[in-house]
Each structure stands twice: as structure tokens, then as C-alpha cells.
Protein backbone atom coordinates (compact mmCIF):
# COMPACT_ATOMS: atom_id res chain seq x y z
CA UNK A 1 234.80 110.32 113.85
CA UNK A 2 235.29 107.81 116.58
CA UNK A 3 237.93 107.21 119.18
CA UNK A 4 238.67 104.01 117.32
CA UNK A 5 239.96 106.17 114.45
CA UNK A 6 242.61 107.56 116.86
CA UNK A 7 241.78 111.05 115.62
CA UNK A 8 241.48 114.28 117.50
CA UNK A 9 238.88 116.87 116.55
CA UNK A 10 239.43 120.63 116.45
CA UNK A 11 240.58 122.04 119.76
CA UNK A 12 242.53 118.90 120.63
CA UNK A 13 239.52 117.14 122.11
CA UNK A 14 239.13 113.41 121.54
CA UNK A 15 235.52 112.70 120.56
CA UNK A 16 233.56 110.16 122.59
CA UNK A 17 233.47 106.60 121.33
CA UNK A 18 230.50 105.65 119.19
CA UNK A 19 228.83 102.33 118.68
CA UNK A 20 226.74 100.93 115.85
CA UNK A 21 223.08 100.89 116.87
CA UNK A 22 220.87 101.09 113.79
CA UNK A 23 221.54 98.59 111.02
CA UNK A 24 221.24 99.45 107.33
CA UNK A 25 217.78 97.87 107.03
CA UNK A 26 216.31 99.89 109.93
CA UNK A 27 217.77 103.14 108.61
CA UNK A 28 216.67 102.48 105.03
CA UNK A 29 213.21 101.42 106.24
CA UNK A 30 212.85 104.55 108.38
CA UNK A 31 213.77 107.08 105.70
CA UNK A 32 211.95 105.18 102.92
CA UNK A 33 208.80 104.97 105.01
CA UNK A 34 208.99 108.69 105.87
CA UNK A 35 209.43 109.62 102.22
CA UNK A 36 206.69 107.29 100.98
CA UNK A 37 204.24 108.48 103.62
CA UNK A 38 204.82 112.09 102.56
CA UNK A 39 204.31 111.10 98.91
CA UNK A 40 201.16 109.10 99.67
CA UNK A 41 199.73 111.82 101.91
CA UNK A 42 200.51 114.59 99.40
CA UNK A 43 199.09 112.76 96.39
CA UNK A 44 195.91 111.44 98.04
CA UNK A 45 193.04 111.87 95.59
CA UNK A 46 195.12 114.03 93.25
CA UNK A 47 197.51 111.52 91.67
CA UNK A 48 195.88 108.15 92.29
CA UNK A 49 198.51 105.97 90.59
CA UNK A 50 201.36 107.47 92.64
CA UNK A 51 199.25 107.30 95.82
CA UNK A 52 198.42 103.61 95.33
CA UNK A 53 202.01 102.72 94.40
CA UNK A 54 203.32 104.48 97.50
CA UNK A 55 200.67 102.73 99.61
CA UNK A 56 201.54 99.25 98.36
CA UNK A 57 205.24 99.96 98.86
CA UNK A 58 204.53 101.10 102.42
CA UNK A 59 202.58 97.86 103.03
CA UNK A 60 205.53 95.82 101.76
CA UNK A 61 207.96 97.75 103.94
CA UNK A 62 205.73 97.21 106.97
CA UNK A 63 205.70 93.45 106.38
CA UNK A 64 209.50 93.40 106.12
CA UNK A 65 209.88 95.53 109.27
CA UNK A 66 207.63 93.23 111.26
CA UNK A 67 209.74 90.24 110.26
CA UNK A 68 212.90 92.23 111.04
CA UNK A 69 211.43 93.04 114.46
CA UNK A 70 211.75 89.34 115.31
CA UNK A 71 214.89 88.27 113.43
CA UNK A 72 216.94 91.47 113.05
CA UNK A 73 219.85 92.59 115.21
CA UNK A 74 219.41 93.48 118.87
CA UNK A 75 218.22 97.09 118.61
CA UNK A 76 215.85 96.28 115.73
CA UNK A 77 213.99 93.60 117.69
CA UNK A 78 210.67 94.42 119.30
CA UNK A 79 211.81 92.60 122.43
CA UNK A 80 214.49 95.25 122.96
CA UNK A 81 212.20 98.27 122.91
CA UNK A 82 208.55 97.35 123.49
CA UNK A 83 207.81 98.18 127.11
CA UNK A 84 204.75 98.08 129.34
CA UNK A 85 202.40 101.10 129.48
CA UNK A 86 203.62 101.69 133.05
CA UNK A 87 207.25 101.90 131.88
CA UNK A 88 206.29 104.27 129.05
CA UNK A 89 204.37 106.57 131.41
CA UNK A 90 207.24 106.52 133.95
CA UNK A 91 209.68 107.43 131.18
CA UNK A 92 207.44 110.29 129.97
CA UNK A 93 207.20 111.58 133.55
CA UNK A 94 211.00 111.56 133.73
CA UNK A 95 211.20 113.44 130.41
CA UNK A 96 209.00 116.20 131.83
CA UNK A 97 211.20 116.32 134.94
CA UNK A 98 214.34 116.44 132.72
CA UNK A 99 215.74 113.29 134.29
CA UNK A 100 214.92 110.66 131.68
CA UNK A 101 217.68 108.08 131.30
CA UNK A 102 219.47 107.80 127.98
CA UNK A 103 218.99 104.58 126.02
CA UNK A 104 221.34 103.25 123.40
CA UNK A 105 218.39 101.87 121.40
CA UNK A 106 214.84 103.17 121.50
CA UNK A 107 213.63 104.60 124.78
CA UNK A 108 210.24 103.38 126.11
CA UNK A 109 208.36 106.31 124.52
CA UNK A 110 210.11 105.73 121.20
CA UNK A 111 209.21 102.05 121.36
CA UNK A 112 205.57 102.89 122.01
CA UNK A 113 205.64 105.33 119.10
CA UNK A 114 207.00 102.64 116.77
CA UNK A 115 204.20 100.27 117.76
CA UNK A 116 201.58 103.01 117.32
CA UNK A 117 202.95 104.07 113.93
CA UNK A 118 203.16 100.48 112.69
CA UNK A 119 199.58 99.79 113.80
CA UNK A 120 198.28 103.01 112.27
CA UNK A 121 200.09 102.41 108.98
CA UNK A 122 198.89 98.80 108.81
CA UNK A 123 195.32 100.05 109.26
CA UNK A 124 195.84 102.76 106.64
CA UNK A 125 197.32 100.25 104.19
CA UNK A 126 194.55 97.73 104.83
CA UNK A 127 191.77 100.25 104.28
CA UNK A 128 193.56 101.59 101.21
CA UNK A 129 193.68 98.08 99.79
CA UNK A 130 190.03 97.51 100.71
CA UNK A 131 189.03 100.52 98.61
CA UNK A 132 190.50 98.80 95.52
CA UNK A 133 188.46 95.60 95.95
CA UNK A 134 185.03 94.90 94.53
CA UNK A 135 183.58 94.25 97.99
CA UNK A 136 184.42 97.71 99.31
CA UNK A 137 184.59 99.76 96.10
CA UNK A 138 182.85 103.08 96.80
CA UNK A 139 182.15 102.21 100.46
CA UNK A 140 182.20 105.62 102.07
CA UNK A 141 182.90 104.29 105.56
CA UNK A 142 186.12 102.62 104.33
CA UNK A 143 187.26 105.88 102.74
CA UNK A 144 186.43 107.74 105.95
CA UNK A 145 188.38 105.27 108.10
CA UNK A 146 191.31 105.42 105.66
CA UNK A 147 191.37 109.21 105.88
CA UNK A 148 191.09 109.21 109.69
CA UNK A 149 193.95 106.71 109.97
CA UNK A 150 196.13 108.72 107.56
CA UNK A 151 195.48 111.95 109.47
CA UNK A 152 196.11 110.19 112.79
CA UNK A 153 199.38 108.85 111.39
CA UNK A 154 200.38 112.38 110.45
CA UNK A 155 199.64 113.52 114.01
CA UNK A 156 201.80 110.67 115.36
CA UNK A 157 204.62 111.65 112.99
CA UNK A 158 204.50 115.19 114.37
CA UNK A 159 204.66 113.86 117.96
CA UNK A 160 207.50 111.55 116.89
CA UNK A 161 209.55 114.46 115.51
CA UNK A 162 208.89 116.50 118.66
CA UNK A 163 209.97 113.53 120.79
CA UNK A 164 213.18 113.13 118.79
CA UNK A 165 213.96 116.82 119.24
CA UNK A 166 213.28 116.68 122.99
CA UNK A 167 215.43 113.56 123.46
CA UNK A 168 218.21 115.06 121.32
CA UNK A 169 218.16 118.20 123.44
CA UNK A 170 217.89 116.42 126.79
CA UNK A 171 220.72 113.98 126.06
CA UNK A 172 222.79 116.34 123.91
CA UNK A 173 222.74 113.85 121.07
CA UNK A 174 221.78 114.29 117.43
CA UNK A 175 219.29 111.46 116.95
CA UNK A 176 218.58 112.43 113.34
CA UNK A 177 222.28 112.02 112.56
CA UNK A 178 222.26 108.69 114.41
CA UNK A 179 219.41 107.48 112.18
CA UNK A 180 221.50 108.43 109.16
CA UNK A 181 224.88 107.04 110.26
CA UNK A 182 223.58 104.23 112.46
CA UNK A 183 225.98 105.27 115.23
CA UNK A 184 225.39 106.75 118.67
CA UNK A 185 227.62 107.81 121.53
CA UNK A 186 228.43 104.83 123.70
CA UNK A 187 226.75 104.58 127.12
């Protein structure tokens, strides 16, 4: 509920106003990518057709997200959340000291994580595609790089989830819910 609804929650307390932050494309991309990565990772060598289909779909989603990062709404644009390494490290220091500022969009660490995940998934998709071509068919080094990138992506996903939980706790805000509804508490 929002204050705009003119409703009062249990206990007679008016909830804080919320604002739209994440558009439908970003939310759909996020949850689709998470689901497809799990499917691709779980199927691996076991169910090749499903694995390859998930991989190609991930590659297509990545291409769309990169375009959306330049033409999408404010909080979807890379220019709104990609920060310098110095800003990311300063933000992480503030997280440890429990004084990190709250951001309406992605915080500097979240922005860095998006860039890292996109890069890792592009590399994973590229090496996956390479394994289906005649030039790299059976090339063990390509398979090894693909596996390393997939495992590194999984590690980043774990750090991402931990970061979301820490930020949710520190700012008393359910970021998972925000990525479902698209709304966050106003600044």
C-alpha cells in the first residue's frame, strides 16, 4: 500500500510513500535471468538440449539488457549506477561501518555487481557458443574456461544475494519485494 492510496495499515499507522524504481523489463529480466541461470547450471552436461536453450536465451536477455542500459528509464541506465572503483570501495567501507547511505536505485556495490555479472555471463555465453562451432568443437580449453566462468558466476550470485540481505537489513527495506513490485520507499 502507498500513502497515495489514502489507506491506513493495521495499528492506525500510515505507511511511508513508495515510488516506482524498477520497470517491468528490469524485473522480468532479473527473475528470468536468475531462473535460466539455475536451469543452465543444473542441467550442464546432463540435459544438453535444455542447457543450450537456456544458454541462448540468457545470451538474448543479456543483449536486450545492454540496450536497455542505454535507452531504458533512469534507474535501468548504466549511467545511473556504474560508479568508479573508489566510490565502490568507499561504499563497501561504509557498509562495514553500518553507515552506508541508502540509494533509491542501485548502490555503488550493486552497480559493480551488475557489471561483473553481465561480463561473466557474456563470457559464459560466448564460450558456450564457441563449443557448438566447428572451430572449437572438442577444444578442452574452451570447455574449461566455460566451466570456470559458470562457477565464478555462481560465486558472484551468492555474493549478490548476501549483499541484498545486508542492504535490506541495514536500511530496513525488503529489496527482494522491491524487485518483485518495482516499488521502494521514497527517499
